[in-house]
Amino acid sequence: MSFAIRPVVPEDITAISRICLLTADAGRSAETLHRLGELPGLVWALPYVLLPPMTARTWGFVLVDTSVSDDDHTTAAVKGYILGTSDSRAYEAATEVQWWPPLRIRFPRGEEERTAADEQYVDIIHRGPESAHEACLAVSPAHMHINLLPEVQRRGWGKELIGKAVDHLRGQGIGSVWLGFDERNTSARKFYENVGFKGIIGAPNNNLALSFV
């Protein structure tokens, strides 16, 4: 197999949602935890793809298997993604106005036939994710999310995706980026630290930042 990285497009949302579900349980598949498998992607990934970049300051790149036709943006072609925003506060404001309200109608609280994991995500939709910590914003206005399917992990592609994000942010005059991750995912922490991410003074332990000035 050969791979390439390209900018994300709205047609990638099915593949991105699938990857998010397959990595949502601290890096492992959360398929068995959810009846509504679209929820992890709706919370952690798709707003970065579908919100207007001018208001949410969003950007993203996907890792594509070039041996599979990518013309119709099939789930088979896309193997990983990096998504983010250059302005975390602008992103939060945009999601509160444009993203969460329709989802709160679509997923009311207390519906039957949901799993416990489903309900946890519905709760996030209704109360909103935690706001970016001030200590993180003191380091950078930009944050990111990255996920790769197991089949392409430990092959250098995570580092390549981060490199694309770094180049993009440098072009905007930004010299660092931060992220949050599930503390149960110890392999993710090891990966981030190996590529240069460090802890943020005053921020929760599951926030790390990368400087590239």
C-alpha atoms as a PDB file:
ATOM      1  CA  MET A   1       0.000   0.000   0.000  1.00  0.00           C
ATOM      2  CA  SER A   2       1.046   3.589  -0.620  1.00  0.00           C
ATOM      3  CA  PHE A   3      -0.322   6.650   1.126  1.00  0.00           C
ATOM      4  CA  ALA A   4      -0.762  10.367   0.637  1.00  0.00           C
ATOM      5  CA  ILE A   5      -2.022  13.255   2.744  1.00  0.00           C
ATOM      6  CA  ARG A   6      -4.537  15.746   1.368  1.00  0.00           C
ATOM      7  CA  PRO A   7      -6.801  18.462   2.813  1.00  0.00           C
ATOM      8  CA  VAL A   8     -10.047  17.248   4.336  1.00  0.00           C
ATOM      9  CA  VAL A   9     -13.291  17.812   2.399  1.00  0.00           C
ATOM     10  CA  PRO A  10     -16.928  17.484   3.555  1.00  0.00           C
ATOM     11  CA  GLU A  11     -17.293  14.243   1.606  1.00  0.00           C
ATOM     12  CA  ASP A  12     -14.864  12.638   4.082  1.00  0.00           C
ATOM     13  CA  ILE A  13     -17.311  12.789   6.993  1.00  0.00           C
ATOM     14  CA  THR A  14     -18.454   9.158   6.753  1.00  0.00           C
ATOM     15  CA  ALA A  15     -14.880   7.891   6.834  1.00  0.00           C
ATOM     16  CA  ILE A  16     -13.893  10.287   9.604  1.00  0.00           C
ATOM     17  CA  SER A  17     -16.902   9.306  11.710  1.00  0.00           C
ATOM     18  CA  ARG A  18     -15.979   5.651  11.299  1.00  0.00           C
ATOM     19  CA  ILE A  19     -12.348   6.226  12.309  1.00  0.00           C
ATOM     20  CA  CYS A  20     -13.477   8.228  15.330  1.00  0.00           C
ATOM     21  CA  LEU A  21     -15.711   5.342  16.474  1.00  0.00           C
ATOM     22  CA  LEU A  22     -12.982   2.759  15.887  1.00  0.00           C
ATOM     23  CA  THR A  23     -10.576   4.702  18.129  1.00  0.00           C
ATOM     24  CA  ALA A  24     -12.994   6.271  20.638  1.00  0.00           C
ATOM     25  CA  ASP A  25     -12.390   3.914  23.565  1.00  0.00           C
ATOM     26  CA  ALA A  26      -8.965   5.240  24.618  1.00  0.00           C
ATOM     27  CA  GLY A  27      -7.565   4.339  21.209  1.00  0.00           C
ATOM     28  CA  ARG A  28      -9.558   1.130  20.822  1.00  0.00           C
ATOM     29  CA  SER A  29     -12.800   0.448  18.999  1.00  0.00           C
ATOM     30  CA  ALA A  30     -15.945   1.681  20.748  1.00  0.00           C
ATOM     31  CA  GLU A  31     -18.299  -0.177  18.399  1.00  0.00           C
ATOM     32  CA  THR A  32     -19.612  -2.482  21.116  1.00  0.00           C
ATOM     33  CA  LEU A  33     -20.193   0.425  23.497  1.00  0.00           C
ATOM     34  CA  HIS A  34     -22.579   2.353  21.261  1.00  0.00           C
ATOM     35  CA  ARG A  35     -25.950   1.824  19.726  1.00  0.00           C
ATOM     36  CA  LEU A  36     -25.556   5.221  18.073  1.00  0.00           C
ATOM     37  CA  GLY A  37     -22.107   4.885  16.567  1.00  0.00           C
ATOM     38  CA  GLU A  38     -22.197   8.351  14.999  1.00  0.00           C
ATOM     39  CA  LEU A  39     -21.999  10.115  18.362  1.00  0.00           C
ATOM     40  CA  PRO A  40     -18.194  10.161  18.903  1.00  0.00           C
ATOM     41  CA  GLY A  41     -17.642  11.679  15.474  1.00  0.00           C
ATOM     42  CA  LEU A  42     -20.391  14.258  15.946  1.00  0.00           C
ATOM     43  CA  VAL A  43     -18.736  15.447  19.161  1.00  0.00           C
ATOM     44  CA  TRP A  44     -15.006  15.180  18.464  1.00  0.00           C
ATOM     45  CA  ALA A  45     -14.483  15.342  14.703  1.00  0.00           C
ATOM     46  CA  LEU A  46     -17.210  16.446  12.318  1.00  0.00           C
ATOM     47  CA  PRO A  47     -17.580  20.059  13.528  1.00  0.00           C
ATOM     48  CA  TYR A  48     -14.016  20.682  12.335  1.00  0.00           C
ATOM     49  CA  VAL A  49     -15.007  19.475   8.866  1.00  0.00           C
ATOM     50  CA  LEU A  50     -18.462  20.996   8.477  1.00  0.00           C
ATOM     51  CA  LEU A  51     -18.398  24.332  10.300  1.00  0.00           C
ATOM     52  CA  PRO A  52     -17.496  27.381   8.170  1.00  0.00           C
ATOM     53  CA  PRO A  53     -13.713  27.816   8.379  1.00  0.00           C
ATOM     54  CA  MET A  54     -14.033  31.595   8.376  1.00  0.00           C
ATOM     55  CA  THR A  55     -15.967  31.603  11.665  1.00  0.00           C
ATOM     56  CA  ALA A  56     -14.637  28.472  13.390  1.00  0.00           C
ATOM     57  CA  ARG A  57     -11.075  28.860  12.024  1.00  0.00           C
ATOM     58  CA  THR A  58     -11.001  25.136  11.281  1.00  0.00           C
ATOM     59  CA  TRP A  59      -8.609  23.074   9.168  1.00  0.00           C
ATOM     60  CA  GLY A  60      -7.822  19.407   8.579  1.00  0.00           C
ATOM     61  CA  PHE A  61      -5.945  16.767   6.616  1.00  0.00           C
ATOM     62  CA  VAL A  62      -6.608  13.094   5.915  1.00  0.00           C
ATOM     63  CA  LEU A  63      -4.310  10.148   5.272  1.00  0.00           C
ATOM     64  CA  VAL A  64      -5.425   8.296   2.146  1.00  0.00           C
ATOM     65  CA  ASP A  65      -4.522   4.844   0.836  1.00  0.00           C
ATOM     66  CA  THR A  66      -3.698   5.656  -2.778  1.00  0.00           C
ATOM     67  CA  SER A  67      -4.190   2.040  -3.849  1.00  0.00           C
ATOM     68  CA  VAL A  68      -7.927   2.515  -3.220  1.00  0.00           C
ATOM     69  CA  SER A  69      -9.964   4.890  -5.362  1.00  0.00           C
ATOM     70  CA  ASP A  70     -10.504   8.136  -3.478  1.00  0.00           C
ATOM     71  CA  ASP A  71     -12.736   9.660  -6.139  1.00  0.00           C
ATOM     72  CA  ASP A  72     -15.908   9.076  -4.127  1.00  0.00           C
ATOM     73  CA  HIS A  73     -14.210   9.541  -0.726  1.00  0.00           C
ATOM     74  CA  THR A  74     -14.892   5.972   0.318  1.00  0.00           C
ATOM     75  CA  THR A  75     -14.337   4.863   3.886  1.00  0.00           C
ATOM     76  CA  ALA A  76     -11.836   2.315   2.554  1.00  0.00           C
ATOM     77  CA  ALA A  77      -9.510   5.013   1.245  1.00  0.00           C
ATOM     78  CA  VAL A  78      -9.262   7.264   4.314  1.00  0.00           C
ATOM     79  CA  LYS A  79      -7.112   5.771   7.077  1.00  0.00           C
ATOM     80  CA  GLY A  80      -6.568   8.674   9.446  1.00  0.00           C
ATOM     81  CA  TYR A  81      -7.071  12.361  10.054  1.00  0.00           C
ATOM     82  CA  ILE A  82      -5.805  15.430  11.851  1.00  0.00           C
ATOM     83  CA  LEU A  83      -8.352  18.166  12.531  1.00  0.00           C
ATOM     84  CA  GLY A  84      -8.118  21.409  14.409  1.00  0.00           C
ATOM     85  CA  THR A  85      -8.771  25.088  14.787  1.00  0.00           C
ATOM     86  CA  SER A  86      -6.461  28.071  14.763  1.00  0.00           C
ATOM     87  CA  ASP A  87      -8.676  29.865  17.312  1.00  0.00           C
ATOM     88  CA  SER A  88     -10.139  27.687  20.065  1.00  0.00           C
ATOM     89  CA  ARG A  89     -12.439  30.375  21.449  1.00  0.00           C
ATOM     90  CA  ALA A  90     -13.814  31.171  17.980  1.00  0.00           C
ATOM     91  CA  TYR A  91     -14.391  27.442  17.460  1.00  0.00           C
ATOM     92  CA  GLU A  92     -16.256  27.135  20.764  1.00  0.00           C
ATOM     93  CA  ALA A  93     -18.445  30.109  19.894  1.00  0.00           C
ATOM     94  CA  ALA A  94     -19.227  28.708  16.445  1.00  0.00           C
ATOM     95  CA  THR A  95     -20.176  25.281  17.786  1.00  0.00           C
ATOM     96  CA  GLU A  96     -22.500  26.791  20.388  1.00  0.00           C
ATOM     97  CA  VAL A  97     -24.336  28.797  17.752  1.00  0.00           C
ATOM     98  CA  GLN A  98     -24.267  26.461  14.760  1.00  0.00           C
ATOM     99  CA  TRP A  99     -23.422  22.900  15.820  1.00  0.00           C
ATOM    100  CA  TRP A 100     -24.862  21.901  19.190  1.00  0.00           C
ATOM    101  CA  PRO A 101     -28.414  23.342  18.926  1.00  0.00           C
ATOM    102  CA  PRO A 102     -29.545  21.066  16.045  1.00  0.00           C
ATOM    103  CA  LEU A 103     -27.950  18.058  17.743  1.00  0.00           C
ATOM    104  CA  ARG A 104     -29.773  18.826  21.000  1.00  0.00           C
ATOM    105  CA  ILE A 105     -33.028  18.537  19.089  1.00  0.00           C
ATOM    106  CA  ARG A 106     -31.896  15.414  17.244  1.00  0.00           C
ATOM    107  CA  PHE A 107     -30.699  13.692  20.427  1.00  0.00           C
ATOM    108  CA  PRO A 108     -32.977  14.659  23.347  1.00  0.00           C
ATOM    109  CA  ARG A 109     -32.004  13.485  26.801  1.00  0.00           C
ATOM    110  CA  GLY A 110     -33.536  10.360  28.286  1.00  0.00           C
ATOM    111  CA  GLU A 111     -34.401   8.419  25.143  1.00  0.00           C
ATOM    112  CA  GLU A 112     -34.780   4.669  25.626  1.00  0.00           C
ATOM    113  CA  GLU A 113     -32.655   2.013  23.901  1.00  0.00           C
ATOM    114  CA  ARG A 114     -29.425   3.930  24.295  1.00  0.00           C
ATOM    115  CA  THR A 115     -26.279   2.572  25.849  1.00  0.00           C
ATOM    116  CA  ALA A 116     -24.495   4.211  28.768  1.00  0.00           C
ATOM    117  CA  ALA A 117     -21.814   5.404  26.364  1.00  0.00           C
ATOM    118  CA  ASP A 118     -24.488   6.911  24.108  1.00  0.00           C
ATOM    119  CA  GLU A 119     -25.923   8.823  27.052  1.00  0.00           C
ATOM    120  CA  GLN A 120     -22.510  10.161  28.002  1.00  0.00           C
ATOM    121  CA  TYR A 121     -22.157  11.684  24.547  1.00  0.00           C
ATOM    122  CA  VAL A 122     -25.713  13.026  24.567  1.00  0.00           C
ATOM    123  CA  ASP A 123     -24.853  14.727  27.852  1.00  0.00           C
ATOM    124  CA  ILE A 124     -21.799  16.328  26.224  1.00  0.00           C
ATOM    125  CA  ILE A 125     -23.998  17.548  23.360  1.00  0.00           C
ATOM    126  CA  HIS A 126     -26.437  19.200  25.772  1.00  0.00           C
ATOM    127  CA  ARG A 127     -23.951  20.788  28.148  1.00  0.00           C
ATOM    128  CA  GLY A 128     -21.203  21.313  25.592  1.00  0.00           C
ATOM    129  CA  PRO A 129     -17.613  20.026  25.854  1.00  0.00           C
ATOM    130  CA  GLU A 130     -15.389  21.644  28.450  1.00  0.00           C
ATOM    131  CA  SER A 131     -14.039  25.011  27.378  1.00  0.00           C
ATOM    132  CA  ALA A 132     -10.377  25.248  26.532  1.00  0.00           C
ATOM    133  CA  HIS A 133      -8.304  25.737  29.679  1.00  0.00           C
ATOM    134  CA  GLU A 134      -6.782  29.192  30.028  1.00  0.00           C
ATOM    135  CA  ALA A 135      -3.351  27.625  30.576  1.00  0.00           C
ATOM    136  CA  CYS A 136      -3.642  25.937  27.180  1.00  0.00           C
ATOM    137  CA  LEU A 137      -4.695  29.157  25.481  1.00  0.00           C
ATOM    138  CA  ALA A 138      -1.745  30.931  27.058  1.00  0.00           C
ATOM    139  CA  VAL A 139       0.457  28.537  25.079  1.00  0.00           C
ATOM    140  CA  SER A 140      -1.503  28.651  21.812  1.00  0.00           C
ATOM    141  CA  PRO A 141      -4.933  29.608  20.468  1.00  0.00           C
ATOM    142  CA  ALA A 142      -4.792  26.496  18.260  1.00  0.00           C
ATOM    143  CA  HIS A 143      -5.729  22.938  19.187  1.00  0.00           C
ATOM    144  CA  MET A 144      -5.924  19.664  17.264  1.00  0.00           C
ATOM    145  CA  HIS A 145      -7.240  16.098  17.230  1.00  0.00           C
ATOM    146  CA  ILE A 146      -5.524  13.195  15.479  1.00  0.00           C
ATOM    147  CA  ASN A 147      -6.701   9.615  14.948  1.00  0.00           C
ATOM    148  CA  LEU A 148      -5.357   6.794  12.786  1.00  0.00           C
ATOM    149  CA  LEU A 149      -6.653   3.292  12.231  1.00  0.00           C
ATOM    150  CA  PRO A 150      -4.464   0.600  13.857  1.00  0.00           C
ATOM    151  CA  GLU A 151      -3.317  -0.663  10.458  1.00  0.00           C
ATOM    152  CA  VAL A 152      -1.425   2.574   9.775  1.00  0.00           C
ATOM    153  CA  GLN A 153      -0.185   3.300  13.288  1.00  0.00           C
ATOM    154  CA  ARG A 154       3.511   3.077  14.209  1.00  0.00           C
ATOM    155  CA  ARG A 155       4.514   3.685  10.593  1.00  0.00           C
ATOM    156  CA  GLY A 156       5.384   7.361  10.813  1.00  0.00           C
ATOM    157  CA  TRP A 157       2.088   8.661   9.428  1.00  0.00           C
ATOM    158  CA  GLY A 158       0.995  10.285  12.656  1.00  0.00           C
ATOM    159  CA  LYS A 159       4.154  12.363  12.621  1.00  0.00           C
ATOM    160  CA  GLU A 160       3.559  13.224   8.960  1.00  0.00           C
ATOM    161  CA  LEU A 161       0.021  14.409   9.692  1.00  0.00           C
ATOM    162  CA  ILE A 162       1.271  16.562  12.553  1.00  0.00           C
ATOM    163  CA  GLY A 163       3.858  17.990  10.178  1.00  0.00           C
ATOM    164  CA  LYS A 164       1.080  19.064   7.805  1.00  0.00           C
ATOM    165  CA  ALA A 165      -0.735  20.759  10.679  1.00  0.00           C
ATOM    166  CA  VAL A 166       2.468  22.503  11.781  1.00  0.00           C
ATOM    167  CA  ASP A 167       3.081  23.817   8.259  1.00  0.00           C
ATOM    168  CA  HIS A 168      -0.489  25.106   8.095  1.00  0.00           C
ATOM    169  CA  LEU A 169      -0.271  26.865  11.460  1.00  0.00           C
ATOM    170  CA  ARG A 170       3.127  28.355  10.680  1.00  0.00           C
ATOM    171  CA  GLY A 171       1.565  29.848   7.574  1.00  0.00           C
ATOM    172  CA  GLN A 172      -0.906  31.610   9.849  1.00  0.00           C
ATOM    173  CA  GLY A 173       1.832  32.942  12.102  1.00  0.00           C
ATOM    174  CA  ILE A 174       1.115  30.461  14.912  1.00  0.00           C
ATOM    175  CA  GLY A 175       4.092  28.781  16.588  1.00  0.00           C
ATOM    176  CA  SER A 176       2.509  26.124  18.797  1.00  0.00           C
ATOM    177  CA  VAL A 177      -0.525  23.875  19.156  1.00  0.00           C
ATOM    178  CA  TRP A 178      -2.076  21.909  22.012  1.00  0.00           C
ATOM    179  CA  LEU A 179      -4.327  18.898  22.400  1.00  0.00           C
ATOM    180  CA  GLY A 180      -6.243  16.873  24.933  1.00  0.00           C
ATOM    181  CA  PHE A 181      -6.424  13.091  25.111  1.00  0.00           C
ATOM    182  CA  ASP A 182      -7.916  10.262  27.170  1.00  0.00           C
ATOM    183  CA  GLU A 183      -5.478   9.584  29.999  1.00  0.00           C
ATOM    184  CA  ARG A 184      -6.208   5.854  29.733  1.00  0.00           C
ATOM    185  CA  ASN A 185      -4.512   5.916  26.330  1.00  0.00           C
ATOM    186  CA  THR A 186      -0.930   5.607  27.516  1.00  0.00           C
ATOM    187  CA  SER A 187       0.353   4.749  24.048  1.00  0.00           C
ATOM    188  CA  ALA A 188      -1.040   8.068  22.767  1.00  0.00           C
ATOM    189  CA  ARG A 189       0.851   9.975  25.451  1.00  0.00           C
ATOM    190  CA  LYS A 190       4.043   8.142  24.541  1.00  0.00           C
ATOM    191  CA  PHE A 191       3.546   8.978  20.855  1.00  0.00           C
ATOM    192  CA  TYR A 192       2.889  12.651  21.547  1.00  0.00           C
ATOM    193  CA  GLU A 193       5.902  12.956  23.810  1.00  0.00           C
ATOM    194  CA  ASN A 194       8.098  11.206  21.244  1.00  0.00           C
ATOM    195  CA  VAL A 195       7.215  13.819  18.613  1.00  0.00           C
ATOM    196  CA  GLY A 196       7.906  16.690  21.009  1.00  0.00           C
ATOM    197  CA  PHE A 197       4.701  17.453  22.904  1.00  0.00           C
ATOM    198  CA  LYS A 198       5.189  18.531  26.512  1.00  0.00           C
ATOM    199  CA  GLY A 199       3.012  19.143  29.535  1.00  0.00           C
ATOM    200  CA  ILE A 200       1.392  22.539  30.032  1.00  0.00           C
ATOM    201  CA  ILE A 201       1.972  24.266  33.358  1.00  0.00           C
ATOM    202  CA  GLY A 202      -1.360  24.863  35.070  1.00  0.00           C
ATOM    203  CA  ALA A 203      -3.371  22.681  32.680  1.00  0.00           C
ATOM    204  CA  PRO A 204      -4.821  19.205  33.319  1.00  0.00           C
ATOM    205  CA  ASN A 205      -2.426  16.309  32.905  1.00  0.00           C
ATOM    206  CA  ASN A 206      -4.109  15.163  29.707  1.00  0.00           C
ATOM    207  CA  ASN A 207      -3.249  18.377  27.859  1.00  0.00           C
ATOM    208  CA  LEU A 208       0.037  18.602  25.964  1.00  0.00           C
ATOM    209  CA  ALA A 209       1.535  21.241  23.686  1.00  0.00           C
ATOM    210  CA  LEU A 210       3.987  21.267  20.804  1.00  0.00           C
ATOM    211  CA  SER A 211       6.130  24.325  20.075  1.00  0.00           C
ATOM    212  CA  PHE A 212       7.558  24.787  16.575  1.00  0.00           C
ATOM    213  CA  VAL A 213       8.754  28.390  16.568  1.00  0.00           C
END
